[in-house]
Amino acid sequence: MPVGFMILVFVSVLILLGVAHRVLDRLRLTDGGALAVIAAMLVGTFIPDIGITRNVAVNVGGAIIPVALAVYLFIRAGTAKERTRAVVAALAAGAAVYALSKVLPAGPEENQFMNYYYLYAIIGGGIAYLLGRSRRSAFIAGIMAIVLSDLAQAVVNWYTGSPGRTVFGGAGAFDATVIAGVFAVVLAEVIGETREKIQGGTAKKDMAFERGEFVQGKDNKQRNGGDGNEE
């Protein structure tokens, strides 16, 4: 079973057990919505790739559904600053993955010490967190890193007249997209949770915790005359 499948099944179990509720709340997703997306991704991988051109195709479960989710989360992002960070992180992570794919030697997987798609995912997910910072931005950038890398390759192939075929979300790209997105949000959750606990007792001591984020408390909000929303 592909690694991406196993990760999605594992995440589904966590959601059903209620363990992932806090993370999903911060991503602006409900348990039912997250399970529906996962089911769509798993089923979508069995749908034949949709040809766009002779050398470009897209997989429903590996590209269309994840990109649609990223767009949804981008629209639901709390502030323009968060959206900007998501875009910057996605572009930087995508560029890093593409550059890495040009440096690593090509060849049969049996001659490699590891599947390079996993390395792409880890690098892309790590950069997605470092630049995205918030759970949503990191998750969006992690997903888009692999897609943008494939897009860059497709453009290069077209410009140079290369016969190479690009399948968005196909085969290893599906695993890399899932790993990058999950890895980025796990980093954001673990590191972010630690930072919030530290800051929660000092800089955020007068703030309330609502919908998975720190916001100004009612008393503080009235003093400042603001709406209490914080990224």
C-alpha atoms as a PDB file:
ATOM      1  CA  MET A   1       0.000   0.000   0.000  1.00  0.00           C
ATOM      2  CA  PRO A   2       1.401   3.448  -0.940  1.00  0.00           C
ATOM      3  CA  VAL A   3       2.674   5.563   1.939  1.00  0.00           C
ATOM      4  CA  GLY A   4       0.175   8.318   1.115  1.00  0.00           C
ATOM      5  CA  PHE A   5      -2.692   5.854   1.509  1.00  0.00           C
ATOM      6  CA  MET A   6      -1.404   4.641   4.868  1.00  0.00           C
ATOM      7  CA  ILE A   7      -1.008   8.181   6.171  1.00  0.00           C
ATOM      8  CA  LEU A   8      -4.527   9.149   5.119  1.00  0.00           C
ATOM      9  CA  VAL A   9      -5.982   6.018   6.725  1.00  0.00           C
ATOM     10  CA  PHE A  10      -4.038   6.746   9.927  1.00  0.00           C
ATOM     11  CA  VAL A  11      -5.261  10.347   9.961  1.00  0.00           C
ATOM     12  CA  SER A  12      -8.822   9.093   9.438  1.00  0.00           C
ATOM     13  CA  VAL A  13      -8.507   6.877  12.494  1.00  0.00           C
ATOM     14  CA  LEU A  14      -7.221   9.806  14.554  1.00  0.00           C
ATOM     15  CA  ILE A  15     -10.179  11.897  13.425  1.00  0.00           C
ATOM     16  CA  LEU A  16     -12.674   9.153  14.313  1.00  0.00           C
ATOM     17  CA  LEU A  17     -11.063   8.841  17.749  1.00  0.00           C
ATOM     18  CA  GLY A  18     -11.381  12.587  18.251  1.00  0.00           C
ATOM     19  CA  VAL A  19      -7.631  13.070  18.596  1.00  0.00           C
ATOM     20  CA  ALA A  20      -7.316  15.444  15.637  1.00  0.00           C
ATOM     21  CA  HIS A  21     -10.230  17.721  16.515  1.00  0.00           C
ATOM     22  CA  ARG A  22      -8.043  20.550  17.830  1.00  0.00           C
ATOM     23  CA  VAL A  23      -5.845  20.601  14.735  1.00  0.00           C
ATOM     24  CA  LEU A  24      -8.833  20.475  12.384  1.00  0.00           C
ATOM     25  CA  ASP A  25     -10.451  23.328  14.275  1.00  0.00           C
ATOM     26  CA  ARG A  26      -7.375  25.445  13.648  1.00  0.00           C
ATOM     27  CA  LEU A  27      -7.486  24.512   9.977  1.00  0.00           C
ATOM     28  CA  ARG A  28     -11.153  25.570   9.870  1.00  0.00           C
ATOM     29  CA  LEU A  29     -12.253  22.017   9.062  1.00  0.00           C
ATOM     30  CA  THR A  30     -14.888  19.876  10.736  1.00  0.00           C
ATOM     31  CA  ASP A  31     -14.323  16.181  11.439  1.00  0.00           C
ATOM     32  CA  GLY A  32     -16.914  15.245   8.838  1.00  0.00           C
ATOM     33  CA  GLY A  33     -15.456  17.622   6.275  1.00  0.00           C
ATOM     34  CA  ALA A  34     -11.935  16.275   6.777  1.00  0.00           C
ATOM     35  CA  LEU A  35     -13.116  12.672   6.442  1.00  0.00           C
ATOM     36  CA  ALA A  36     -15.000  13.583   3.260  1.00  0.00           C
ATOM     37  CA  VAL A  37     -11.854  15.134   1.769  1.00  0.00           C
ATOM     38  CA  ILE A  38      -9.769  12.085   2.681  1.00  0.00           C
ATOM     39  CA  ALA A  39     -12.364   9.751   1.166  1.00  0.00           C
ATOM     40  CA  ALA A  40     -12.452  11.856  -2.009  1.00  0.00           C
ATOM     41  CA  MET A  41      -8.662  11.723  -2.277  1.00  0.00           C
ATOM     42  CA  LEU A  42      -8.545   7.956  -1.809  1.00  0.00           C
ATOM     43  CA  VAL A  43     -11.336   7.298  -4.299  1.00  0.00           C
ATOM     44  CA  GLY A  44      -9.994   9.900  -6.704  1.00  0.00           C
ATOM     45  CA  THR A  45      -6.671   8.116  -7.080  1.00  0.00           C
ATOM     46  CA  PHE A  46      -8.489   5.234  -8.791  1.00  0.00           C
ATOM     47  CA  ILE A  47     -10.046   7.520 -11.386  1.00  0.00           C
ATOM     48  CA  PRO A  48      -8.044   7.535 -14.639  1.00  0.00           C
ATOM     49  CA  ASP A  49      -5.783  10.547 -15.061  1.00  0.00           C
ATOM     50  CA  ILE A  50      -7.411  13.425 -16.913  1.00  0.00           C
ATOM     51  CA  GLY A  51      -5.371  14.424 -19.947  1.00  0.00           C
ATOM     52  CA  ILE A  52      -4.853  18.147 -20.442  1.00  0.00           C
ATOM     53  CA  THR A  53      -2.337  17.977 -23.270  1.00  0.00           C
ATOM     54  CA  ARG A  54      -0.420  15.122 -24.840  1.00  0.00           C
ATOM     55  CA  ASN A  55       2.275  15.369 -22.166  1.00  0.00           C
ATOM     56  CA  VAL A  56       0.304  16.739 -19.219  1.00  0.00           C
ATOM     57  CA  ALA A  57      -2.339  14.990 -17.141  1.00  0.00           C
ATOM     58  CA  VAL A  58      -3.856  15.447 -13.698  1.00  0.00           C
ATOM     59  CA  ASN A  59      -4.986  12.931 -11.108  1.00  0.00           C
ATOM     60  CA  VAL A  60      -8.228  13.682  -9.265  1.00  0.00           C
ATOM     61  CA  GLY A  61      -7.238  12.317  -5.867  1.00  0.00           C
ATOM     62  CA  GLY A  62      -3.606  13.335  -5.972  1.00  0.00           C
ATOM     63  CA  ALA A  63      -3.955  16.866  -7.333  1.00  0.00           C
ATOM     64  CA  ILE A  64      -7.463  18.218  -7.930  1.00  0.00           C
ATOM     65  CA  ILE A  65      -8.846  17.431  -4.455  1.00  0.00           C
ATOM     66  CA  PRO A  66      -5.719  18.595  -2.543  1.00  0.00           C
ATOM     67  CA  VAL A  67      -5.511  21.828  -4.564  1.00  0.00           C
ATOM     68  CA  ALA A  68      -9.228  22.456  -4.020  1.00  0.00           C
ATOM     69  CA  LEU A  69      -8.670  21.986  -0.273  1.00  0.00           C
ATOM     70  CA  ALA A  70      -5.706  24.382  -0.327  1.00  0.00           C
ATOM     71  CA  VAL A  71      -7.785  27.003  -2.151  1.00  0.00           C
ATOM     72  CA  TYR A  72     -10.618  26.586   0.373  1.00  0.00           C
ATOM     73  CA  LEU A  73      -8.245  27.028   3.319  1.00  0.00           C
ATOM     74  CA  PHE A  74      -6.612  29.998   1.602  1.00  0.00           C
ATOM     75  CA  ILE A  75      -9.987  31.715   1.262  1.00  0.00           C
ATOM     76  CA  ARG A  76     -10.783  30.954   4.905  1.00  0.00           C
ATOM     77  CA  ALA A  77      -7.441  32.353   6.118  1.00  0.00           C
ATOM     78  CA  GLY A  78      -7.964  34.940   8.836  1.00  0.00           C
ATOM     79  CA  THR A  79      -5.862  37.823   7.505  1.00  0.00           C
ATOM     80  CA  ALA A  80      -4.168  39.140   4.382  1.00  0.00           C
ATOM     81  CA  LYS A  81      -0.840  38.605   6.147  1.00  0.00           C
ATOM     82  CA  GLU A  82      -1.574  34.912   6.568  1.00  0.00           C
ATOM     83  CA  ARG A  83      -2.541  34.595   2.903  1.00  0.00           C
ATOM     84  CA  THR A  84       0.657  36.343   1.872  1.00  0.00           C
ATOM     85  CA  ARG A  85       2.752  34.005   4.011  1.00  0.00           C
ATOM     86  CA  ALA A  86       0.962  31.018   2.511  1.00  0.00           C
ATOM     87  CA  VAL A  87       1.762  32.181  -1.026  1.00  0.00           C
ATOM     88  CA  VAL A  88       5.404  32.989  -0.225  1.00  0.00           C
ATOM     89  CA  ALA A  89       5.869  29.679   1.598  1.00  0.00           C
ATOM     90  CA  ALA A  90       4.270  27.704  -1.246  1.00  0.00           C
ATOM     91  CA  LEU A  91       6.455  29.371  -3.888  1.00  0.00           C
ATOM     92  CA  ALA A  92       9.639  28.942  -1.839  1.00  0.00           C
ATOM     93  CA  ALA A  93       8.886  25.317  -0.983  1.00  0.00           C
ATOM     94  CA  GLY A  94       7.943  24.545  -4.575  1.00  0.00           C
ATOM     95  CA  ALA A  95      11.151  26.127  -5.855  1.00  0.00           C
ATOM     96  CA  ALA A  96      13.205  24.137  -3.338  1.00  0.00           C
ATOM     97  CA  VAL A  97      11.564  20.863  -4.335  1.00  0.00           C
ATOM     98  CA  TYR A  98      12.079  21.593  -8.028  1.00  0.00           C
ATOM     99  CA  ALA A  99      15.730  22.529  -7.479  1.00  0.00           C
ATOM    100  CA  LEU A 100      16.256  19.387  -5.420  1.00  0.00           C
ATOM    101  CA  SER A 101      14.790  17.260  -8.199  1.00  0.00           C
ATOM    102  CA  LYS A 102      17.409  18.693 -10.566  1.00  0.00           C
ATOM    103  CA  VAL A 103      20.298  17.975  -8.187  1.00  0.00           C
ATOM    104  CA  LEU A 104      19.473  14.422  -7.161  1.00  0.00           C
ATOM    105  CA  PRO A 105      20.469  11.751  -9.678  1.00  0.00           C
ATOM    106  CA  ALA A 106      17.716  10.172 -11.727  1.00  0.00           C
ATOM    107  CA  GLY A 107      17.491   6.412 -11.976  1.00  0.00           C
ATOM    108  CA  PRO A 108      15.558   3.300 -10.996  1.00  0.00           C
ATOM    109  CA  GLU A 109      14.325   3.287  -7.396  1.00  0.00           C
ATOM    110  CA  GLU A 110      16.145   0.041  -6.661  1.00  0.00           C
ATOM    111  CA  ASN A 111      19.422   1.914  -7.158  1.00  0.00           C
ATOM    112  CA  GLN A 112      18.458   4.637  -4.702  1.00  0.00           C
ATOM    113  CA  PHE A 113      18.860   4.510  -0.932  1.00  0.00           C
ATOM    114  CA  MET A 114      15.367   5.993  -0.593  1.00  0.00           C
ATOM    115  CA  ASN A 115      12.442   7.183  -2.671  1.00  0.00           C
ATOM    116  CA  TYR A 116      13.381  10.785  -3.438  1.00  0.00           C
ATOM    117  CA  TYR A 117       9.731  11.805  -3.384  1.00  0.00           C
ATOM    118  CA  TYR A 118       9.815  11.335   0.398  1.00  0.00           C
ATOM    119  CA  LEU A 119      12.797  13.665   0.638  1.00  0.00           C
ATOM    120  CA  TYR A 120      11.006  16.212  -1.559  1.00  0.00           C
ATOM    121  CA  ALA A 121       8.028  16.008   0.778  1.00  0.00           C
ATOM    122  CA  ILE A 122      10.085  16.461   3.954  1.00  0.00           C
ATOM    123  CA  ILE A 123      12.060  19.401   2.540  1.00  0.00           C
ATOM    124  CA  GLY A 124       8.936  20.987   1.074  1.00  0.00           C
ATOM    125  CA  GLY A 125       6.949  20.476   4.268  1.00  0.00           C
ATOM    126  CA  GLY A 126       9.753  21.876   6.422  1.00  0.00           C
ATOM    127  CA  ILE A 127      10.066  25.047   4.353  1.00  0.00           C
ATOM    128  CA  ALA A 128       6.279  25.340   4.271  1.00  0.00           C
ATOM    129  CA  TYR A 129       6.223  25.504   8.066  1.00  0.00           C
ATOM    130  CA  LEU A 130       9.236  27.799   8.465  1.00  0.00           C
ATOM    131  CA  LEU A 131       7.762  30.424   6.145  1.00  0.00           C
ATOM    132  CA  GLY A 132       4.057  29.714   6.623  1.00  0.00           C
ATOM    133  CA  ARG A 133       4.186  29.539  10.428  1.00  0.00           C
ATOM    134  CA  SER A 134       0.442  29.169  11.048  1.00  0.00           C
ATOM    135  CA  ARG A 135      -1.237  25.772  10.698  1.00  0.00           C
ATOM    136  CA  ARG A 136      -3.258  26.830   7.695  1.00  0.00           C
ATOM    137  CA  SER A 137      -0.393  28.542   5.859  1.00  0.00           C
ATOM    138  CA  ALA A 138       1.955  25.618   6.479  1.00  0.00           C
ATOM    139  CA  PHE A 139      -0.603  23.063   5.319  1.00  0.00           C
ATOM    140  CA  ILE A 140      -1.466  25.055   2.185  1.00  0.00           C
ATOM    141  CA  ALA A 141       2.207  25.524   1.304  1.00  0.00           C
ATOM    142  CA  GLY A 142       3.033  21.887   1.988  1.00  0.00           C
ATOM    143  CA  ILE A 143       0.366  20.701  -0.444  1.00  0.00           C
ATOM    144  CA  MET A 144       1.154  23.290  -3.106  1.00  0.00           C
ATOM    145  CA  ALA A 145       4.928  22.734  -2.949  1.00  0.00           C
ATOM    146  CA  ILE A 146       4.725  19.451  -4.848  1.00  0.00           C
ATOM    147  CA  VAL A 147       2.083  20.719  -7.270  1.00  0.00           C
ATOM    148  CA  LEU A 148       4.077  23.862  -8.082  1.00  0.00           C
ATOM    149  CA  SER A 149       7.239  21.825  -8.564  1.00  0.00           C
ATOM    150  CA  ASP A 150       5.437  19.632 -11.094  1.00  0.00           C
ATOM    151  CA  LEU A 151       4.024  22.750 -12.748  1.00  0.00           C
ATOM    152  CA  ALA A 152       7.521  24.178 -13.112  1.00  0.00           C
ATOM    153  CA  GLN A 153       8.691  20.919 -14.700  1.00  0.00           C
ATOM    154  CA  ALA A 154       5.737  20.907 -17.104  1.00  0.00           C
ATOM    155  CA  VAL A 155       6.529  24.482 -18.180  1.00  0.00           C
ATOM    156  CA  VAL A 156      10.212  23.622 -18.686  1.00  0.00           C
ATOM    157  CA  ASN A 157       9.277  20.556 -20.741  1.00  0.00           C
ATOM    158  CA  TRP A 158       6.971  22.652 -22.905  1.00  0.00           C
ATOM    159  CA  TYR A 159       9.512  25.446 -23.377  1.00  0.00           C
ATOM    160  CA  THR A 160      12.357  23.079 -24.285  1.00  0.00           C
ATOM    161  CA  GLY A 161      10.208  20.758 -26.351  1.00  0.00           C
ATOM    162  CA  SER A 162      11.014  17.823 -24.076  1.00  0.00           C
ATOM    163  CA  PRO A 163       8.823  14.719 -24.595  1.00  0.00           C
ATOM    164  CA  GLY A 164       8.702  14.114 -20.833  1.00  0.00           C
ATOM    165  CA  ARG A 165       5.212  13.583 -19.417  1.00  0.00           C
ATOM    166  CA  THR A 166       3.974  15.301 -16.246  1.00  0.00           C
ATOM    167  CA  VAL A 167       1.122  13.817 -14.235  1.00  0.00           C
ATOM    168  CA  PHE A 168       0.018  16.097 -11.425  1.00  0.00           C
ATOM    169  CA  GLY A 169      -0.703  14.021  -8.338  1.00  0.00           C
ATOM    170  CA  GLY A 170       0.231  10.746  -9.962  1.00  0.00           C
ATOM    171  CA  ALA A 171       2.184   7.891  -8.385  1.00  0.00           C
ATOM    172  CA  GLY A 172       4.958   9.260  -6.146  1.00  0.00           C
ATOM    173  CA  ALA A 173       3.595  12.799  -6.383  1.00  0.00           C
ATOM    174  CA  PHE A 174       0.488  11.673  -4.463  1.00  0.00           C
ATOM    175  CA  ASP A 175       2.625  10.326  -1.618  1.00  0.00           C
ATOM    176  CA  ALA A 176       4.778  13.464  -1.606  1.00  0.00           C
ATOM    177  CA  THR A 177       1.761  15.787  -1.536  1.00  0.00           C
ATOM    178  CA  VAL A 178       0.194  13.953   1.411  1.00  0.00           C
ATOM    179  CA  ILE A 179       3.475  13.707   3.339  1.00  0.00           C
ATOM    180  CA  ALA A 180       4.405  17.358   2.748  1.00  0.00           C
ATOM    181  CA  GLY A 181       1.016  18.660   3.845  1.00  0.00           C
ATOM    182  CA  VAL A 182       0.773  16.466   6.933  1.00  0.00           C
ATOM    183  CA  PHE A 183       4.419  17.007   7.901  1.00  0.00           C
ATOM    184  CA  ALA A 184       4.056  20.790   7.634  1.00  0.00           C
ATOM    185  CA  VAL A 185       0.961  20.917   9.818  1.00  0.00           C
ATOM    186  CA  VAL A 186       2.471  18.507  12.379  1.00  0.00           C
ATOM    187  CA  LEU A 187       5.521  20.760  12.665  1.00  0.00           C
ATOM    188  CA  ALA A 188       3.257  23.776  13.032  1.00  0.00           C
ATOM    189  CA  GLU A 189       1.176  22.032  15.689  1.00  0.00           C
ATOM    190  CA  VAL A 190       4.051  20.694  17.771  1.00  0.00           C
ATOM    191  CA  ILE A 191       6.222  23.794  17.605  1.00  0.00           C
ATOM    192  CA  GLY A 192       3.271  26.161  17.671  1.00  0.00           C
ATOM    193  CA  GLU A 193       1.754  24.430  20.693  1.00  0.00           C
ATOM    194  CA  THR A 194       5.041  24.781  22.554  1.00  0.00           C
ATOM    195  CA  ARG A 195       5.313  28.455  21.663  1.00  0.00           C
ATOM    196  CA  GLU A 196       1.707  29.116  22.634  1.00  0.00           C
ATOM    197  CA  LYS A 197       2.160  27.508  26.029  1.00  0.00           C
ATOM    198  CA  ILE A 198       5.209  29.669  26.674  1.00  0.00           C
ATOM    199  CA  GLN A 199       3.631  32.864  25.372  1.00  0.00           C
ATOM    200  CA  GLY A 200       0.251  32.064  26.858  1.00  0.00           C
ATOM    201  CA  GLY A 201       1.582  32.739  30.325  1.00  0.00           C
ATOM    202  CA  THR A 202       3.181  36.051  29.386  1.00  0.00           C
ATOM    203  CA  ALA A 203       2.347  37.989  26.255  1.00  0.00           C
ATOM    204  CA  LYS A 204      -1.019  36.246  25.851  1.00  0.00           C
ATOM    205  CA  LYS A 205      -2.100  36.104  29.463  1.00  0.00           C
ATOM    206  CA  ASP A 206      -4.937  38.605  28.826  1.00  0.00           C
ATOM    207  CA  MET A 207      -6.177  36.782  25.737  1.00  0.00           C
ATOM    208  CA  ALA A 208      -8.856  34.151  25.279  1.00  0.00           C
ATOM    209  CA  PHE A 209      -8.504  30.944  23.266  1.00  0.00           C
ATOM    210  CA  GLU A 210     -11.336  30.622  20.746  1.00  0.00           C
ATOM    211  CA  ARG A 211     -11.748  28.497  17.622  1.00  0.00           C
ATOM    212  CA  GLY A 212      -8.200  27.221  17.924  1.00  0.00           C
ATOM    213  CA  GLU A 213      -6.510  30.627  18.156  1.00  0.00           C
ATOM    214  CA  PHE A 214      -5.628  33.285  20.709  1.00  0.00           C
ATOM    215  CA  VAL A 215      -7.898  36.352  20.521  1.00  0.00           C
ATOM    216  CA  GLN A 216      -8.309  39.392  22.691  1.00  0.00           C
ATOM    217  CA  GLY A 217     -10.408  38.820  25.774  1.00  0.00           C
ATOM    218  CA  LYS A 218     -13.678  40.697  26.089  1.00  0.00           C
ATOM    219  CA  ASP A 219     -12.329  43.126  28.681  1.00  0.00           C
ATOM    220  CA  ASN A 220      -9.194  43.793  26.669  1.00  0.00           C
ATOM    221  CA  LYS A 221     -11.220  44.131  23.469  1.00  0.00           C
ATOM    222  CA  GLN A 222     -13.472  46.751  25.015  1.00  0.00           C
ATOM    223  CA  ARG A 223     -10.455  48.724  26.234  1.00  0.00           C
ATOM    224  CA  ASN A 224      -8.858  48.688  22.794  1.00  0.00           C
ATOM    225  CA  GLY A 225     -12.080  49.155  20.875  1.00  0.00           C
ATOM    226  CA  GLY A 226     -11.103  46.383  18.480  1.00  0.00           C
ATOM    227  CA  ASP A 227     -12.893  43.302  17.198  1.00  0.00           C
ATOM    228  CA  GLY A 228     -10.655  40.896  19.087  1.00  0.00           C
ATOM    229  CA  ASN A 229      -9.456  38.985  16.052  1.00  0.00           C
ATOM    230  CA  GLU A 230      -5.853  37.925  15.855  1.00  0.00           C
ATOM    231  CA  GLU A 231      -4.110  35.823  13.282  1.00  0.00           C
END
